[in-house]
Amino acid sequence: MHLDQLAVRPERMRQGIGGRLVAAVIDHARACGAPGVTLTTFRDVPWNGPWYARHGFSVLPESAWGGPSCGRWSRMSGTWASNSRPAS
């Protein structure tokens, strides 16, 4: 399953809303039998990578992307065991 976009209004940030949204996507993917969740984010936004890493995602090597790459992007993937959740 691919998470196309995640946004939280600036005045609502740092309240756990984004984390709950990601958890809902992961729960839905698991319920649908998906092996994981992928997303694409900007490499040059310093907080994106660490934030997604805290929610169980890691950077996929460009060789695993399956299409043309762009140096501004970073593709990330979250996977899990059937009875666990990524760390929050």
N, C-alpha and C. Protein backbone atom coordinates (compact mmCIF):
# COMPACT_ATOMS: atom_id res chain seq x y z
N MET A 1 0.86 -1.16 0.00
CA MET A 1 0.00 0.00 0.00
C MET A 1 0.90 1.23 0.00
N HIS A 2 0.49 2.26 -0.70
CA HIS A 2 1.28 3.49 -0.80
C HIS A 2 0.54 4.64 -0.14
N LEU A 3 1.22 5.34 0.75
CA LEU A 3 0.68 6.54 1.38
C LEU A 3 1.07 7.70 0.47
N ASP A 4 0.09 8.27 -0.21
CA ASP A 4 0.37 9.29 -1.21
C ASP A 4 0.70 10.63 -0.57
N GLN A 5 -0.02 11.02 0.46
CA GLN A 5 0.22 12.33 1.04
C GLN A 5 -0.25 12.35 2.49
N LEU A 6 0.49 13.06 3.32
CA LEU A 6 0.12 13.24 4.72
C LEU A 6 0.38 14.70 5.06
N ALA A 7 -0.61 15.37 5.56
CA ALA A 7 -0.45 16.78 5.93
C ALA A 7 -1.27 17.06 7.19
N VAL A 8 -0.69 17.87 8.05
CA VAL A 8 -1.36 18.34 9.26
C VAL A 8 -1.24 19.86 9.25
N ARG A 9 -2.31 20.54 9.53
CA ARG A 9 -2.27 22.00 9.57
C ARG A 9 -1.20 22.46 10.57
N PRO A 10 -0.47 23.51 10.22
CA PRO A 10 0.60 23.98 11.12
C PRO A 10 0.14 24.24 12.56
N GLU A 11 -1.04 24.78 12.74
CA GLU A 11 -1.51 25.06 14.10
C GLU A 11 -1.90 23.80 14.86
N ARG A 12 -1.97 22.66 14.17
CA ARG A 12 -2.30 21.38 14.81
C ARG A 12 -1.10 20.46 14.94
N MET A 13 0.06 20.90 14.48
CA MET A 13 1.26 20.06 14.55
C MET A 13 1.71 19.86 16.00
N ARG A 14 2.50 18.82 16.20
CA ARG A 14 3.10 18.47 17.49
C ARG A 14 2.05 18.08 18.54
N GLN A 15 0.95 17.51 18.04
CA GLN A 15 -0.11 17.01 18.93
C GLN A 15 -0.35 15.52 18.72
N GLY A 16 0.49 14.87 17.91
CA GLY A 16 0.34 13.45 17.67
C GLY A 16 -0.63 13.08 16.56
N ILE A 17 -1.16 14.08 15.87
CA ILE A 17 -2.15 13.81 14.82
C ILE A 17 -1.51 13.05 13.66
N GLY A 18 -0.35 13.50 13.20
CA GLY A 18 0.33 12.82 12.09
C GLY A 18 0.64 11.37 12.43
N GLY A 19 1.11 11.13 13.65
CA GLY A 19 1.41 9.76 14.07
C GLY A 19 0.17 8.88 14.09
N ARG A 20 -0.94 9.45 14.52
CA ARG A 20 -2.20 8.68 14.52
C ARG A 20 -2.67 8.41 13.10
N LEU A 21 -2.48 9.37 12.20
CA LEU A 21 -2.85 9.15 10.80
C LEU A 21 -2.00 8.04 10.18
N VAL A 22 -0.69 8.06 10.43
CA VAL A 22 0.19 7.01 9.91
C VAL A 22 -0.20 5.67 10.50
N ALA A 23 -0.49 5.62 11.80
CA ALA A 23 -0.91 4.37 12.43
C ALA A 23 -2.20 3.84 11.80
N ALA A 24 -3.12 4.74 11.45
CA ALA A 24 -4.37 4.32 10.81
C ALA A 24 -4.10 3.72 9.43
N VAL A 25 -3.17 4.32 8.68
CA VAL A 25 -2.82 3.77 7.36
C VAL A 25 -2.19 2.40 7.53
N ILE A 26 -1.29 2.25 8.49
CA ILE A 26 -0.63 0.96 8.74
C ILE A 26 -1.67 -0.08 9.15
N ASP A 27 -2.58 0.30 10.03
CA ASP A 27 -3.63 -0.64 10.45
C ASP A 27 -4.50 -1.06 9.26
N HIS A 28 -4.85 -0.10 8.41
CA HIS A 28 -5.67 -0.42 7.23
C HIS A 28 -4.91 -1.34 6.28
N ALA A 29 -3.63 -1.04 6.06
CA ALA A 29 -2.82 -1.88 5.17
C ALA A 29 -2.75 -3.31 5.71
N ARG A 30 -2.53 -3.43 7.00
CA ARG A 30 -2.46 -4.75 7.62
C ARG A 30 -3.78 -5.49 7.47
N ALA A 31 -4.90 -4.79 7.70
CA ALA A 31 -6.23 -5.41 7.58
C ALA A 31 -6.51 -5.86 6.14
N CYS A 32 -5.92 -5.18 5.17
CA CYS A 32 -6.09 -5.54 3.76
C CYS A 32 -5.11 -6.61 3.31
N GLY A 33 -4.20 -7.01 4.19
CA GLY A 33 -3.22 -8.04 3.84
C GLY A 33 -2.00 -7.51 3.11
N ALA A 34 -1.81 -6.20 3.08
CA ALA A 34 -0.62 -5.62 2.42
C ALA A 34 0.63 -5.97 3.22
N PRO A 35 1.74 -6.19 2.53
CA PRO A 35 2.98 -6.53 3.22
C PRO A 35 3.68 -5.34 3.87
N GLY A 36 3.23 -4.13 3.58
CA GLY A 36 3.85 -2.94 4.14
C GLY A 36 3.25 -1.70 3.53
N VAL A 37 3.83 -0.58 3.87
CA VAL A 37 3.39 0.72 3.37
C VAL A 37 4.61 1.43 2.81
N THR A 38 4.45 2.04 1.63
CA THR A 38 5.51 2.88 1.07
C THR A 38 5.02 4.31 1.02
N LEU A 39 5.97 5.22 0.94
CA LEU A 39 5.66 6.63 0.74
C LEU A 39 6.86 7.28 0.09
N THR A 40 6.65 8.44 -0.48
CA THR A 40 7.72 9.22 -1.08
C THR A 40 7.73 10.57 -0.39
N THR A 41 8.91 11.04 -0.02
CA THR A 41 9.01 12.32 0.67
C THR A 41 10.23 13.07 0.17
N PHE A 42 10.32 14.34 0.47
CA PHE A 42 11.45 15.16 0.05
C PHE A 42 12.67 14.86 0.91
N ARG A 43 13.82 14.69 0.27
CA ARG A 43 15.07 14.48 0.99
C ARG A 43 15.56 15.72 1.69
N ASP A 44 15.26 16.90 1.13
CA ASP A 44 15.84 18.13 1.66
C ASP A 44 15.04 18.77 2.79
N VAL A 45 14.00 18.11 3.27
CA VAL A 45 13.28 18.58 4.46
C VAL A 45 13.85 17.82 5.64
N PRO A 46 14.62 18.49 6.51
CA PRO A 46 15.40 17.77 7.51
C PRO A 46 14.62 16.93 8.52
N TRP A 47 13.38 17.24 8.78
CA TRP A 47 12.63 16.49 9.79
C TRP A 47 11.86 15.30 9.20
N ASN A 48 11.69 15.23 7.88
CA ASN A 48 10.89 14.14 7.29
C ASN A 48 11.45 12.76 7.59
N GLY A 49 12.70 12.52 7.23
CA GLY A 49 13.30 11.20 7.42
C GLY A 49 13.24 10.73 8.86
N PRO A 50 13.73 11.54 9.81
CA PRO A 50 13.68 11.11 11.22
C PRO A 50 12.25 10.88 11.73
N TRP A 51 11.30 11.72 11.29
CA TRP A 51 9.92 11.55 11.75
C TRP A 51 9.36 10.22 11.27
N TYR A 52 9.53 9.92 9.97
CA TYR A 52 9.03 8.65 9.45
C TYR A 52 9.79 7.47 10.04
N ALA A 53 11.08 7.62 10.31
CA ALA A 53 11.84 6.54 10.95
C ALA A 53 11.27 6.22 12.33
N ARG A 54 10.87 7.24 13.07
CA ARG A 54 10.25 7.00 14.39
C ARG A 54 8.94 6.22 14.27
N HIS A 55 8.34 6.24 13.09
CA HIS A 55 7.08 5.55 12.87
C HIS A 55 7.26 4.26 12.08
N GLY A 56 8.50 3.75 12.07
CA GLY A 56 8.76 2.42 11.51
C GLY A 56 9.19 2.37 10.06
N PHE A 57 9.45 3.50 9.44
CA PHE A 57 9.84 3.53 8.04
C PHE A 57 11.35 3.61 7.90
N SER A 58 11.84 3.13 6.77
CA SER A 58 13.27 3.24 6.46
C SER A 58 13.41 3.54 4.97
N VAL A 59 14.55 4.10 4.59
CA VAL A 59 14.78 4.49 3.20
C VAL A 59 15.05 3.24 2.37
N LEU A 60 14.36 3.15 1.24
CA LEU A 60 14.61 2.07 0.28
C LEU A 60 15.75 2.51 -0.64
N PRO A 61 16.65 1.60 -1.01
CA PRO A 61 17.67 1.97 -1.99
C PRO A 61 17.02 2.27 -3.33
N GLU A 62 17.60 3.21 -4.07
CA GLU A 62 17.01 3.60 -5.35
C GLU A 62 16.85 2.41 -6.29
N SER A 63 17.70 1.41 -6.16
CA SER A 63 17.59 0.23 -7.03
C SER A 63 16.28 -0.53 -6.80
N ALA A 64 15.63 -0.30 -5.67
CA ALA A 64 14.37 -1.00 -5.36
C ALA A 64 13.14 -0.17 -5.75
N TRP A 65 13.34 1.02 -6.30
CA TRP A 65 12.21 1.89 -6.61
C TRP A 65 11.39 1.42 -7.79
N GLY A 66 12.02 0.78 -8.75
CA GLY A 66 11.29 0.27 -9.91
C GLY A 66 10.92 1.32 -10.93
N GLY A 67 11.55 2.47 -10.91
CA GLY A 67 11.26 3.51 -11.88
C GLY A 67 12.34 4.56 -11.87
N PRO A 68 12.19 5.59 -12.68
CA PRO A 68 13.21 6.64 -12.69
C PRO A 68 13.27 7.35 -11.35
N SER A 69 14.45 7.77 -10.98
CA SER A 69 14.63 8.42 -9.68
C SER A 69 14.88 9.91 -9.87
N CYS A 70 14.67 10.64 -8.84
CA CYS A 70 14.95 12.07 -8.81
C CYS A 70 15.70 12.34 -7.53
N GLY A 71 16.80 13.04 -7.60
CA GLY A 71 17.64 13.27 -6.43
C GLY A 71 16.96 14.00 -5.29
N ARG A 72 15.82 14.66 -5.54
CA ARG A 72 15.12 15.37 -4.47
C ARG A 72 14.25 14.45 -3.63
N TRP A 73 14.01 13.25 -4.09
CA TRP A 73 13.05 12.36 -3.44
C TRP A 73 13.75 11.26 -2.65
N SER A 74 13.08 10.77 -1.66
CA SER A 74 13.52 9.62 -0.90
C SER A 74 12.32 8.70 -0.75
N ARG A 75 12.41 7.48 -1.21
CA ARG A 75 11.29 6.55 -1.05
C ARG A 75 11.54 5.76 0.22
N MET A 76 10.51 5.64 1.03
CA MET A 76 10.62 4.95 2.31
C MET A 76 9.60 3.83 2.36
N SER A 77 9.90 2.83 3.16
CA SER A 77 9.00 1.69 3.28
C SER A 77 8.87 1.32 4.74
N GLY A 78 7.66 0.97 5.15
CA GLY A 78 7.42 0.47 6.50
C GLY A 78 6.91 -0.96 6.40
N THR A 79 7.53 -1.84 7.10
CA THR A 79 7.09 -3.23 7.12
C THR A 79 6.93 -3.67 8.56
N TRP A 80 6.24 -4.76 8.77
CA TRP A 80 5.99 -5.23 10.12
C TRP A 80 5.76 -6.73 10.14
N ALA A 81 5.96 -7.30 11.30
CA ALA A 81 5.57 -8.69 11.51
C ALA A 81 4.06 -8.70 11.77
N SER A 82 3.44 -9.84 11.56
CA SER A 82 1.98 -9.88 11.59
C SER A 82 1.38 -9.46 12.93
N ASN A 83 2.09 -9.63 14.03
CA ASN A 83 1.52 -9.28 15.33
C ASN A 83 2.22 -8.10 16.00
N SER A 84 2.89 -7.26 15.21
CA SER A 84 3.58 -6.12 15.80
C SER A 84 3.25 -4.86 15.06
N ARG A 85 3.60 -3.75 15.65
CA ARG A 85 3.44 -2.43 15.04
C ARG A 85 4.80 -1.78 14.99
N PRO A 86 5.04 -0.91 14.00
CA PRO A 86 6.27 -0.14 14.02
C PRO A 86 6.31 0.72 15.29
N ALA A 87 7.49 0.96 15.78
CA ALA A 87 7.65 1.79 16.98
C ALA A 87 7.19 3.20 16.69
N SER A 88 6.54 3.83 17.67
CA SER A 88 6.08 5.23 17.51
C SER A 88 7.04 6.14 18.19
